[in-house]
N, C-alpha and C. Protein backbone atom coordinates (compact mmCIF):
# COMPACT_ATOMS: atom_id res chain seq x y z
N MET A 1 -24.88 -8.72 -39.86
CA MET A 1 -26.04 -9.57 -40.13
C MET A 1 -25.87 -10.85 -39.35
N ILE A 2 -26.92 -11.28 -38.67
CA ILE A 2 -26.83 -12.53 -37.93
C ILE A 2 -26.91 -13.70 -38.89
N GLY A 3 -26.34 -14.82 -38.51
CA GLY A 3 -26.31 -15.98 -39.39
C GLY A 3 -27.58 -16.81 -39.25
N LEU A 4 -28.67 -16.38 -39.85
CA LEU A 4 -29.93 -17.09 -39.74
C LEU A 4 -29.85 -18.48 -40.35
N THR A 5 -29.14 -18.60 -41.46
CA THR A 5 -29.09 -19.91 -42.12
C THR A 5 -28.34 -20.92 -41.26
N GLU A 6 -27.45 -20.43 -40.39
CA GLU A 6 -26.75 -21.35 -39.50
C GLU A 6 -27.72 -21.92 -38.46
N HIS A 7 -28.67 -21.11 -38.04
CA HIS A 7 -29.62 -21.53 -37.02
C HIS A 7 -30.85 -22.22 -37.59
N PHE A 8 -31.20 -21.91 -38.83
CA PHE A 8 -32.39 -22.45 -39.46
C PHE A 8 -32.11 -22.95 -40.87
N PRO A 9 -31.24 -23.95 -41.04
CA PRO A 9 -31.03 -24.46 -42.39
C PRO A 9 -32.35 -25.05 -42.90
N ALA A 10 -32.74 -24.70 -44.12
CA ALA A 10 -34.05 -25.05 -44.66
C ALA A 10 -34.33 -26.55 -44.61
N ALA A 11 -33.35 -27.38 -44.88
CA ALA A 11 -33.58 -28.83 -44.92
C ALA A 11 -33.72 -29.44 -43.54
N GLU A 12 -33.21 -28.74 -42.49
CA GLU A 12 -33.21 -29.34 -41.17
C GLU A 12 -34.21 -28.72 -40.21
N ALA A 13 -34.64 -27.49 -40.47
CA ALA A 13 -35.52 -26.81 -39.53
C ALA A 13 -36.90 -27.46 -39.53
N PRO A 14 -37.42 -27.77 -38.34
CA PRO A 14 -38.74 -28.40 -38.28
C PRO A 14 -39.81 -27.45 -38.79
N GLY A 15 -40.71 -27.97 -39.60
CA GLY A 15 -41.81 -27.16 -40.09
C GLY A 15 -41.50 -26.37 -41.34
N ILE A 16 -40.24 -26.36 -41.77
CA ILE A 16 -39.89 -25.63 -42.98
C ILE A 16 -40.12 -26.56 -44.16
N ALA A 17 -40.77 -26.01 -45.14
CA ALA A 17 -41.11 -26.84 -46.31
C ALA A 17 -39.88 -27.16 -47.12
N ARG A 18 -39.81 -28.40 -47.56
CA ARG A 18 -38.80 -28.78 -48.52
C ARG A 18 -39.40 -28.56 -49.89
N GLU A 19 -38.62 -28.64 -50.90
CA GLU A 19 -39.11 -28.40 -52.26
C GLU A 19 -40.35 -29.26 -52.52
N GLY A 20 -41.39 -28.62 -53.02
CA GLY A 20 -42.63 -29.32 -53.35
C GLY A 20 -43.59 -29.44 -52.18
N GLU A 21 -43.22 -29.01 -50.98
CA GLU A 21 -44.09 -29.06 -49.81
C GLU A 21 -44.52 -27.65 -49.43
N ALA A 22 -45.59 -27.54 -48.73
CA ALA A 22 -46.05 -26.24 -48.25
C ALA A 22 -45.86 -26.16 -46.74
N ALA A 23 -45.28 -25.06 -46.28
CA ALA A 23 -45.11 -24.85 -44.84
C ALA A 23 -46.43 -24.34 -44.29
N ASP A 24 -46.85 -24.89 -43.15
CA ASP A 24 -48.11 -24.40 -42.60
C ASP A 24 -47.85 -23.16 -41.75
N PHE A 25 -48.90 -22.38 -41.57
CA PHE A 25 -48.81 -21.11 -40.88
C PHE A 25 -48.31 -21.29 -39.44
N ALA A 26 -48.78 -22.30 -38.75
CA ALA A 26 -48.36 -22.51 -37.36
C ALA A 26 -46.86 -22.77 -37.27
N SER A 27 -46.32 -23.53 -38.21
CA SER A 27 -44.87 -23.79 -38.20
C SER A 27 -44.09 -22.52 -38.44
N LEU A 28 -44.56 -21.72 -39.38
CA LEU A 28 -43.88 -20.45 -39.67
C LEU A 28 -43.93 -19.52 -38.45
N MET A 29 -45.08 -19.47 -37.81
CA MET A 29 -45.21 -18.62 -36.63
C MET A 29 -44.33 -19.12 -35.50
N SER A 30 -44.20 -20.41 -35.35
CA SER A 30 -43.35 -21.00 -34.33
C SER A 30 -41.89 -20.61 -34.57
N LEU A 31 -41.47 -20.70 -35.81
CA LEU A 31 -40.09 -20.32 -36.13
C LEU A 31 -39.87 -18.82 -35.95
N ALA A 32 -40.87 -18.03 -36.28
CA ALA A 32 -40.76 -16.58 -36.08
C ALA A 32 -40.60 -16.27 -34.59
N TYR A 33 -41.36 -16.99 -33.76
CA TYR A 33 -41.25 -16.81 -32.32
C TYR A 33 -39.84 -17.19 -31.85
N GLU A 34 -39.32 -18.31 -32.35
CA GLU A 34 -37.96 -18.73 -31.99
C GLU A 34 -36.94 -17.69 -32.41
N LEU A 35 -37.10 -17.13 -33.59
CA LEU A 35 -36.19 -16.09 -34.06
C LEU A 35 -36.27 -14.87 -33.15
N GLY A 36 -37.49 -14.51 -32.77
CA GLY A 36 -37.66 -13.38 -31.85
C GLY A 36 -36.97 -13.63 -30.52
N GLU A 37 -37.07 -14.84 -30.02
CA GLU A 37 -36.40 -15.19 -28.77
C GLU A 37 -34.88 -15.11 -28.93
N MET A 38 -34.38 -15.56 -30.08
CA MET A 38 -32.93 -15.48 -30.33
C MET A 38 -32.47 -14.02 -30.32
N ILE A 39 -33.25 -13.17 -30.93
CA ILE A 39 -32.91 -11.74 -30.98
C ILE A 39 -32.95 -11.16 -29.57
N LYS A 40 -33.99 -11.53 -28.79
CA LYS A 40 -34.09 -11.04 -27.41
C LYS A 40 -32.90 -11.48 -26.57
N GLN A 41 -32.30 -12.62 -26.88
CA GLN A 41 -31.16 -13.13 -26.12
C GLN A 41 -29.82 -12.61 -26.65
N SER A 42 -29.86 -11.80 -27.70
CA SER A 42 -28.62 -11.31 -28.31
C SER A 42 -27.95 -10.25 -27.43
N ALA A 43 -26.68 -10.03 -27.69
CA ALA A 43 -25.92 -9.01 -26.97
C ALA A 43 -26.49 -7.62 -27.25
N LEU A 44 -26.95 -7.39 -28.49
CA LEU A 44 -27.53 -6.09 -28.83
C LEU A 44 -28.77 -5.81 -28.00
N ALA A 45 -29.63 -6.80 -27.85
CA ALA A 45 -30.85 -6.62 -27.07
C ALA A 45 -30.52 -6.44 -25.59
N ALA A 46 -29.54 -7.17 -25.10
CA ALA A 46 -29.14 -7.03 -23.69
C ALA A 46 -28.61 -5.63 -23.41
N GLU A 47 -27.83 -5.10 -24.33
CA GLU A 47 -27.31 -3.75 -24.19
C GLU A 47 -28.45 -2.73 -24.20
N TYR A 48 -29.40 -2.93 -25.10
CA TYR A 48 -30.56 -2.04 -25.19
C TYR A 48 -31.32 -2.03 -23.85
N VAL A 49 -31.60 -3.20 -23.30
CA VAL A 49 -32.33 -3.31 -22.03
C VAL A 49 -31.54 -2.66 -20.90
N TYR A 50 -30.24 -2.86 -20.90
CA TYR A 50 -29.38 -2.29 -19.86
C TYR A 50 -29.47 -0.76 -19.87
N TYR A 51 -29.28 -0.16 -21.04
CA TYR A 51 -29.30 1.30 -21.12
C TYR A 51 -30.70 1.87 -20.93
N LYS A 52 -31.72 1.14 -21.33
CA LYS A 52 -33.10 1.57 -21.09
C LYS A 52 -33.35 1.65 -19.59
N ASP A 53 -32.86 0.66 -18.86
CA ASP A 53 -32.99 0.65 -17.41
C ASP A 53 -32.23 1.80 -16.78
N ARG A 54 -31.01 2.05 -17.26
CA ARG A 54 -30.20 3.16 -16.73
C ARG A 54 -30.91 4.49 -16.93
N VAL A 55 -31.47 4.69 -18.13
CA VAL A 55 -32.20 5.92 -18.42
C VAL A 55 -33.43 6.02 -17.52
N GLY A 56 -34.11 4.90 -17.33
CA GLY A 56 -35.31 4.88 -16.51
C GLY A 56 -35.08 5.20 -15.05
N ARG A 57 -33.85 4.99 -14.57
CA ARG A 57 -33.52 5.24 -13.16
C ARG A 57 -32.76 6.55 -12.95
N ASP A 58 -32.53 7.30 -14.00
CA ASP A 58 -31.73 8.52 -13.89
C ASP A 58 -32.64 9.71 -13.55
N ALA A 59 -32.42 10.29 -12.36
CA ALA A 59 -33.25 11.41 -11.90
C ALA A 59 -33.10 12.64 -12.80
N THR A 60 -31.90 12.89 -13.29
CA THR A 60 -31.68 14.02 -14.18
C THR A 60 -32.50 13.86 -15.46
N VAL A 61 -32.51 12.64 -15.99
CA VAL A 61 -33.29 12.38 -17.19
C VAL A 61 -34.77 12.63 -16.93
N HIS A 62 -35.27 12.13 -15.80
CA HIS A 62 -36.69 12.32 -15.47
C HIS A 62 -37.05 13.80 -15.40
N ALA A 63 -36.20 14.59 -14.76
CA ALA A 63 -36.46 16.03 -14.64
C ALA A 63 -36.47 16.69 -16.02
N LEU A 64 -35.49 16.34 -16.84
CA LEU A 64 -35.44 16.93 -18.18
C LEU A 64 -36.60 16.46 -19.06
N VAL A 65 -37.05 15.22 -18.89
CA VAL A 65 -38.19 14.73 -19.66
C VAL A 65 -39.44 15.53 -19.29
N ARG A 66 -39.61 15.81 -18.00
CA ARG A 66 -40.76 16.64 -17.58
C ARG A 66 -40.66 18.03 -18.20
N ASP A 67 -39.46 18.64 -18.15
CA ASP A 67 -39.28 19.97 -18.73
C ASP A 67 -39.50 19.94 -20.25
N PHE A 68 -39.03 18.88 -20.89
CA PHE A 68 -39.21 18.73 -22.33
C PHE A 68 -40.70 18.62 -22.67
N ALA A 69 -41.44 17.85 -21.88
CA ALA A 69 -42.89 17.70 -22.12
C ALA A 69 -43.60 19.05 -21.96
N LYS A 70 -43.19 19.82 -20.95
CA LYS A 70 -43.79 21.15 -20.75
C LYS A 70 -43.46 22.07 -21.93
N ALA A 71 -42.22 22.00 -22.39
CA ALA A 71 -41.81 22.84 -23.52
C ALA A 71 -42.59 22.46 -24.77
N LYS A 72 -42.80 21.16 -25.01
CA LYS A 72 -43.57 20.73 -26.17
C LYS A 72 -45.04 21.16 -26.05
N GLU A 73 -45.56 21.09 -24.85
CA GLU A 73 -46.94 21.52 -24.62
C GLU A 73 -47.08 23.01 -24.90
N ARG A 74 -46.13 23.79 -24.42
CA ARG A 74 -46.15 25.24 -24.66
C ARG A 74 -46.05 25.54 -26.14
N PHE A 75 -45.17 24.83 -26.83
CA PHE A 75 -45.03 25.04 -28.27
C PHE A 75 -46.32 24.66 -29.00
N ALA A 76 -46.97 23.58 -28.58
CA ALA A 76 -48.23 23.17 -29.21
C ALA A 76 -49.29 24.25 -29.06
N GLU A 77 -49.31 24.93 -27.89
CA GLU A 77 -50.24 26.04 -27.69
C GLU A 77 -49.96 27.17 -28.68
N CYS A 78 -48.69 27.50 -28.84
CA CYS A 78 -48.31 28.56 -29.77
C CYS A 78 -48.59 28.15 -31.21
N GLU A 79 -48.33 26.88 -31.51
CA GLU A 79 -48.47 26.39 -32.88
C GLU A 79 -49.92 26.44 -33.36
N ARG A 80 -50.86 26.38 -32.45
CA ARG A 80 -52.27 26.47 -32.85
C ARG A 80 -52.54 27.78 -33.59
N PHE A 81 -51.80 28.81 -33.25
CA PHE A 81 -51.99 30.12 -33.87
C PHE A 81 -50.97 30.38 -34.98
N GLY A 82 -50.12 29.42 -35.22
CA GLY A 82 -49.14 29.56 -36.29
C GLY A 82 -47.90 30.29 -35.86
N ARG A 83 -47.00 30.44 -36.81
CA ARG A 83 -45.71 31.05 -36.47
C ARG A 83 -45.79 32.55 -36.21
N PHE A 84 -46.99 33.11 -36.36
CA PHE A 84 -47.14 34.53 -36.07
C PHE A 84 -47.48 34.77 -34.60
N HIS A 85 -47.64 33.69 -33.83
CA HIS A 85 -47.85 33.83 -32.39
C HIS A 85 -46.61 34.51 -31.82
N PRO A 86 -46.78 35.47 -30.92
CA PRO A 86 -45.62 36.21 -30.42
C PRO A 86 -44.56 35.35 -29.73
N ASP A 87 -44.95 34.20 -29.18
CA ASP A 87 -44.00 33.35 -28.47
C ASP A 87 -43.59 32.11 -29.27
N TYR A 88 -43.99 32.05 -30.53
CA TYR A 88 -43.75 30.85 -31.35
C TYR A 88 -42.26 30.48 -31.40
N ASN A 89 -41.43 31.40 -31.81
CA ASN A 89 -39.99 31.11 -31.96
C ASN A 89 -39.33 30.79 -30.62
N GLU A 90 -39.72 31.52 -29.59
CA GLU A 90 -39.16 31.26 -28.26
C GLU A 90 -39.55 29.85 -27.78
N ALA A 91 -40.81 29.48 -28.00
CA ALA A 91 -41.28 28.16 -27.58
C ALA A 91 -40.58 27.05 -28.38
N LEU A 92 -40.40 27.27 -29.67
CA LEU A 92 -39.71 26.29 -30.51
C LEU A 92 -38.25 26.16 -30.09
N ASP A 93 -37.60 27.27 -29.83
CA ASP A 93 -36.21 27.24 -29.37
C ASP A 93 -36.08 26.48 -28.05
N ARG A 94 -37.06 26.63 -27.17
CA ARG A 94 -37.04 25.94 -25.88
C ARG A 94 -37.16 24.43 -26.08
N VAL A 95 -38.01 24.01 -27.03
CA VAL A 95 -38.15 22.58 -27.33
C VAL A 95 -36.81 22.03 -27.82
N TYR A 96 -36.18 22.74 -28.75
CA TYR A 96 -34.88 22.29 -29.27
C TYR A 96 -33.82 22.26 -28.19
N GLU A 97 -33.84 23.26 -27.30
CA GLU A 97 -32.87 23.32 -26.21
C GLU A 97 -33.04 22.11 -25.27
N MET A 98 -34.28 21.81 -24.91
CA MET A 98 -34.54 20.69 -24.00
C MET A 98 -34.17 19.36 -24.66
N GLU A 99 -34.46 19.26 -25.95
CA GLU A 99 -34.11 18.05 -26.69
C GLU A 99 -32.60 17.85 -26.71
N ALA A 100 -31.86 18.93 -26.94
CA ALA A 100 -30.40 18.86 -26.98
C ALA A 100 -29.83 18.52 -25.60
N ARG A 101 -30.41 19.09 -24.56
CA ARG A 101 -29.94 18.79 -23.20
C ARG A 101 -30.15 17.32 -22.86
N LEU A 102 -31.29 16.79 -23.26
CA LEU A 102 -31.55 15.36 -23.03
C LEU A 102 -30.56 14.50 -23.80
N ALA A 103 -30.36 14.83 -25.06
CA ALA A 103 -29.48 14.04 -25.92
C ALA A 103 -28.02 14.08 -25.46
N ALA A 104 -27.67 15.09 -24.68
CA ALA A 104 -26.28 15.24 -24.22
C ALA A 104 -25.97 14.38 -23.00
N ILE A 105 -26.99 13.84 -22.36
CA ILE A 105 -26.77 13.02 -21.17
C ILE A 105 -26.24 11.66 -21.62
N GLU A 106 -25.14 11.23 -21.02
CA GLU A 106 -24.46 10.01 -21.47
C GLU A 106 -25.36 8.76 -21.53
N PRO A 107 -26.14 8.46 -20.49
CA PRO A 107 -26.99 7.27 -20.60
C PRO A 107 -28.02 7.38 -21.73
N VAL A 108 -28.49 8.57 -22.01
CA VAL A 108 -29.44 8.77 -23.10
C VAL A 108 -28.75 8.52 -24.44
N LYS A 109 -27.53 9.04 -24.58
CA LYS A 109 -26.76 8.79 -25.81
C LYS A 109 -26.54 7.30 -26.02
N GLN A 110 -26.13 6.61 -24.96
CA GLN A 110 -25.87 5.18 -25.05
C GLN A 110 -27.15 4.41 -25.36
N PHE A 111 -28.27 4.81 -24.75
CA PHE A 111 -29.55 4.17 -25.01
C PHE A 111 -29.95 4.34 -26.47
N LYS A 112 -29.82 5.55 -26.98
CA LYS A 112 -30.19 5.80 -28.38
C LYS A 112 -29.32 4.99 -29.34
N GLU A 113 -28.03 4.86 -29.03
CA GLU A 113 -27.15 4.04 -29.87
C GLU A 113 -27.56 2.57 -29.82
N ALA A 114 -27.88 2.07 -28.64
CA ALA A 114 -28.31 0.67 -28.49
C ALA A 114 -29.64 0.45 -29.19
N GLU A 115 -30.55 1.41 -29.07
CA GLU A 115 -31.85 1.31 -29.72
C GLU A 115 -31.69 1.28 -31.24
N GLN A 116 -30.80 2.11 -31.75
CA GLN A 116 -30.54 2.15 -33.19
C GLN A 116 -29.94 0.82 -33.67
N ALA A 117 -29.07 0.23 -32.88
CA ALA A 117 -28.45 -1.05 -33.25
C ALA A 117 -29.50 -2.16 -33.33
N VAL A 118 -30.42 -2.20 -32.36
CA VAL A 118 -31.48 -3.21 -32.37
C VAL A 118 -32.41 -2.95 -33.54
N ASP A 119 -32.74 -1.70 -33.78
CA ASP A 119 -33.61 -1.34 -34.90
C ASP A 119 -32.99 -1.78 -36.23
N LEU A 120 -31.70 -1.56 -36.38
CA LEU A 120 -31.00 -1.97 -37.60
C LEU A 120 -31.02 -3.49 -37.76
N LEU A 121 -30.79 -4.20 -36.66
CA LEU A 121 -30.84 -5.66 -36.70
C LEU A 121 -32.23 -6.14 -37.15
N LEU A 122 -33.27 -5.59 -36.56
CA LEU A 122 -34.63 -5.99 -36.92
C LEU A 122 -34.93 -5.67 -38.38
N HIS A 123 -34.44 -4.53 -38.84
CA HIS A 123 -34.65 -4.17 -40.25
C HIS A 123 -33.91 -5.16 -41.17
N GLU A 124 -32.69 -5.51 -40.82
CA GLU A 124 -31.91 -6.45 -41.64
C GLU A 124 -32.58 -7.82 -41.67
N VAL A 125 -33.12 -8.26 -40.54
CA VAL A 125 -33.82 -9.54 -40.49
C VAL A 125 -35.07 -9.49 -41.37
N SER A 126 -35.83 -8.40 -41.26
CA SER A 126 -37.03 -8.23 -42.10
C SER A 126 -36.67 -8.26 -43.57
N LEU A 127 -35.61 -7.58 -43.92
CA LEU A 127 -35.16 -7.53 -45.30
C LEU A 127 -34.73 -8.91 -45.78
N LEU A 128 -34.00 -9.62 -44.95
CA LEU A 128 -33.54 -10.96 -45.29
C LEU A 128 -34.72 -11.91 -45.52
N ILE A 129 -35.70 -11.85 -44.65
CA ILE A 129 -36.89 -12.70 -44.80
C ILE A 129 -37.65 -12.34 -46.06
N ALA A 130 -37.86 -11.06 -46.29
CA ALA A 130 -38.60 -10.63 -47.48
C ALA A 130 -37.88 -11.05 -48.75
N ARG A 131 -36.57 -10.87 -48.80
CA ARG A 131 -35.81 -11.21 -50.00
C ARG A 131 -35.76 -12.73 -50.21
N ALA A 132 -35.87 -13.50 -49.14
CA ALA A 132 -35.91 -14.96 -49.27
C ALA A 132 -37.20 -15.40 -49.96
N VAL A 133 -38.25 -14.61 -49.80
CA VAL A 133 -39.54 -14.92 -50.43
C VAL A 133 -39.53 -14.43 -51.87
N SER A 134 -39.14 -13.17 -52.07
CA SER A 134 -39.13 -12.59 -53.41
C SER A 134 -38.35 -11.29 -53.40
N SER A 135 -37.63 -11.04 -54.48
CA SER A 135 -36.86 -9.80 -54.56
C SER A 135 -37.75 -8.59 -54.81
N SER A 136 -39.01 -8.82 -55.14
CA SER A 136 -39.90 -7.69 -55.43
C SER A 136 -40.81 -7.33 -54.27
N ILE A 137 -40.70 -8.04 -53.14
CA ILE A 137 -41.52 -7.70 -51.98
C ILE A 137 -41.00 -6.39 -51.39
N LYS A 138 -41.95 -5.52 -51.08
CA LYS A 138 -41.58 -4.23 -50.52
C LYS A 138 -41.33 -4.38 -49.03
N VAL A 139 -40.24 -3.81 -48.58
CA VAL A 139 -39.89 -3.79 -47.17
C VAL A 139 -39.77 -2.32 -46.78
N PRO A 140 -40.43 -1.90 -45.72
CA PRO A 140 -40.34 -0.50 -45.33
C PRO A 140 -38.89 -0.08 -45.13
N ASP A 141 -38.59 1.14 -45.55
CA ASP A 141 -37.26 1.68 -45.38
C ASP A 141 -37.01 1.91 -43.90
N ASN A 142 -35.80 1.80 -43.47
CA ASN A 142 -35.45 1.99 -42.08
C ASN A 142 -35.04 3.43 -41.79
N ASP A 143 -35.17 4.29 -42.78
CA ASP A 143 -34.80 5.69 -42.65
C ASP A 143 -35.79 6.40 -41.72
N PRO A 144 -35.31 7.06 -40.65
CA PRO A 144 -36.23 7.77 -39.76
C PRO A 144 -36.88 8.98 -40.44
N ASN A 145 -36.31 9.42 -41.54
CA ASN A 145 -36.88 10.51 -42.33
C ASN A 145 -37.13 10.00 -43.75
N PRO A 146 -38.17 9.17 -43.90
CA PRO A 146 -38.40 8.54 -45.20
C PRO A 146 -38.75 9.55 -46.28
N LYS A 147 -38.43 9.16 -47.50
CA LYS A 147 -38.73 9.99 -48.66
C LYS A 147 -39.96 9.38 -49.33
N GLY A 148 -41.12 9.85 -48.97
CA GLY A 148 -42.36 9.32 -49.53
C GLY A 148 -42.70 10.03 -50.82
N CYS A 149 -43.82 9.66 -51.38
CA CYS A 149 -44.29 10.30 -52.61
C CYS A 149 -44.39 11.81 -52.40
N GLY A 150 -43.95 12.54 -53.38
CA GLY A 150 -44.03 13.99 -53.31
C GLY A 150 -42.88 14.64 -52.60
N SER A 151 -41.90 13.86 -52.17
CA SER A 151 -40.79 14.46 -51.42
C SER A 151 -39.51 14.54 -52.24
N GLY A 152 -39.62 14.32 -53.54
CA GLY A 152 -38.46 14.49 -54.39
C GLY A 152 -37.71 13.22 -54.70
N GLY A 153 -38.22 12.07 -54.29
CA GLY A 153 -37.57 10.80 -54.58
C GLY A 153 -37.80 10.41 -56.03
N SER A 154 -37.53 9.18 -56.37
CA SER A 154 -37.70 8.78 -57.77
C SER A 154 -38.38 7.43 -57.85
N CYS A 155 -39.69 7.44 -58.06
CA CYS A 155 -40.43 6.21 -58.29
C CYS A 155 -41.34 6.42 -59.49
N SER A 156 -42.06 5.41 -59.82
CA SER A 156 -42.89 5.51 -61.02
C SER A 156 -44.35 5.73 -60.68
N CYS A 157 -44.65 6.28 -59.52
CA CYS A 157 -46.04 6.47 -59.15
C CYS A 157 -46.64 7.71 -59.78
N GLY A 158 -45.81 8.59 -60.32
CA GLY A 158 -46.31 9.79 -60.96
C GLY A 158 -46.61 10.91 -59.99
N GLY A 159 -46.35 10.70 -58.72
CA GLY A 159 -46.68 11.72 -57.73
C GLY A 159 -45.47 12.46 -57.21
N GLY A 160 -44.38 12.48 -57.90
CA GLY A 160 -43.23 13.23 -57.43
C GLY A 160 -42.14 12.33 -56.89
N GLY A 161 -42.43 11.07 -56.72
CA GLY A 161 -41.38 10.13 -56.41
C GLY A 161 -41.40 9.55 -55.02
N CYS A 162 -41.15 8.30 -54.92
CA CYS A 162 -40.96 7.61 -53.64
C CYS A 162 -39.47 7.34 -53.51
N GLY A 163 -38.98 7.52 -52.31
CA GLY A 163 -37.57 7.32 -52.07
C GLY A 163 -37.20 5.94 -52.14
């Protein structure tokens, strides 16, 4: 977790309300912009940009991305007719194969790790800001496979549960 309070102590940060004062929207937006700039200047963001550039310049990745797009297109054609289409399983297997081949390329692996690190940082910052306002504010889960209503989670909505 980054040390936000070190960079923005409430009593010293310009535009931050002290007890009994109201912070105006422009001041809050200005501080949010500054925080965004700090994140962009972080080592995590620099690593993300570096690996994104490496992936963007890799000819092998470009070729596999084209093949992956073709495989997904072929699967979408089969999927229109459902899993009873004669080529459905073959097309699905090809999508998984292309996805695995892409994921096995070192710059792609490194990019995905850097992307996940930045995503986690942004989620932690969002959570920290939300909890500073109120412990009951809902913050979207950072799970790439969220457990929404009806998916077996446990909430009080009566619809099978929110994760």
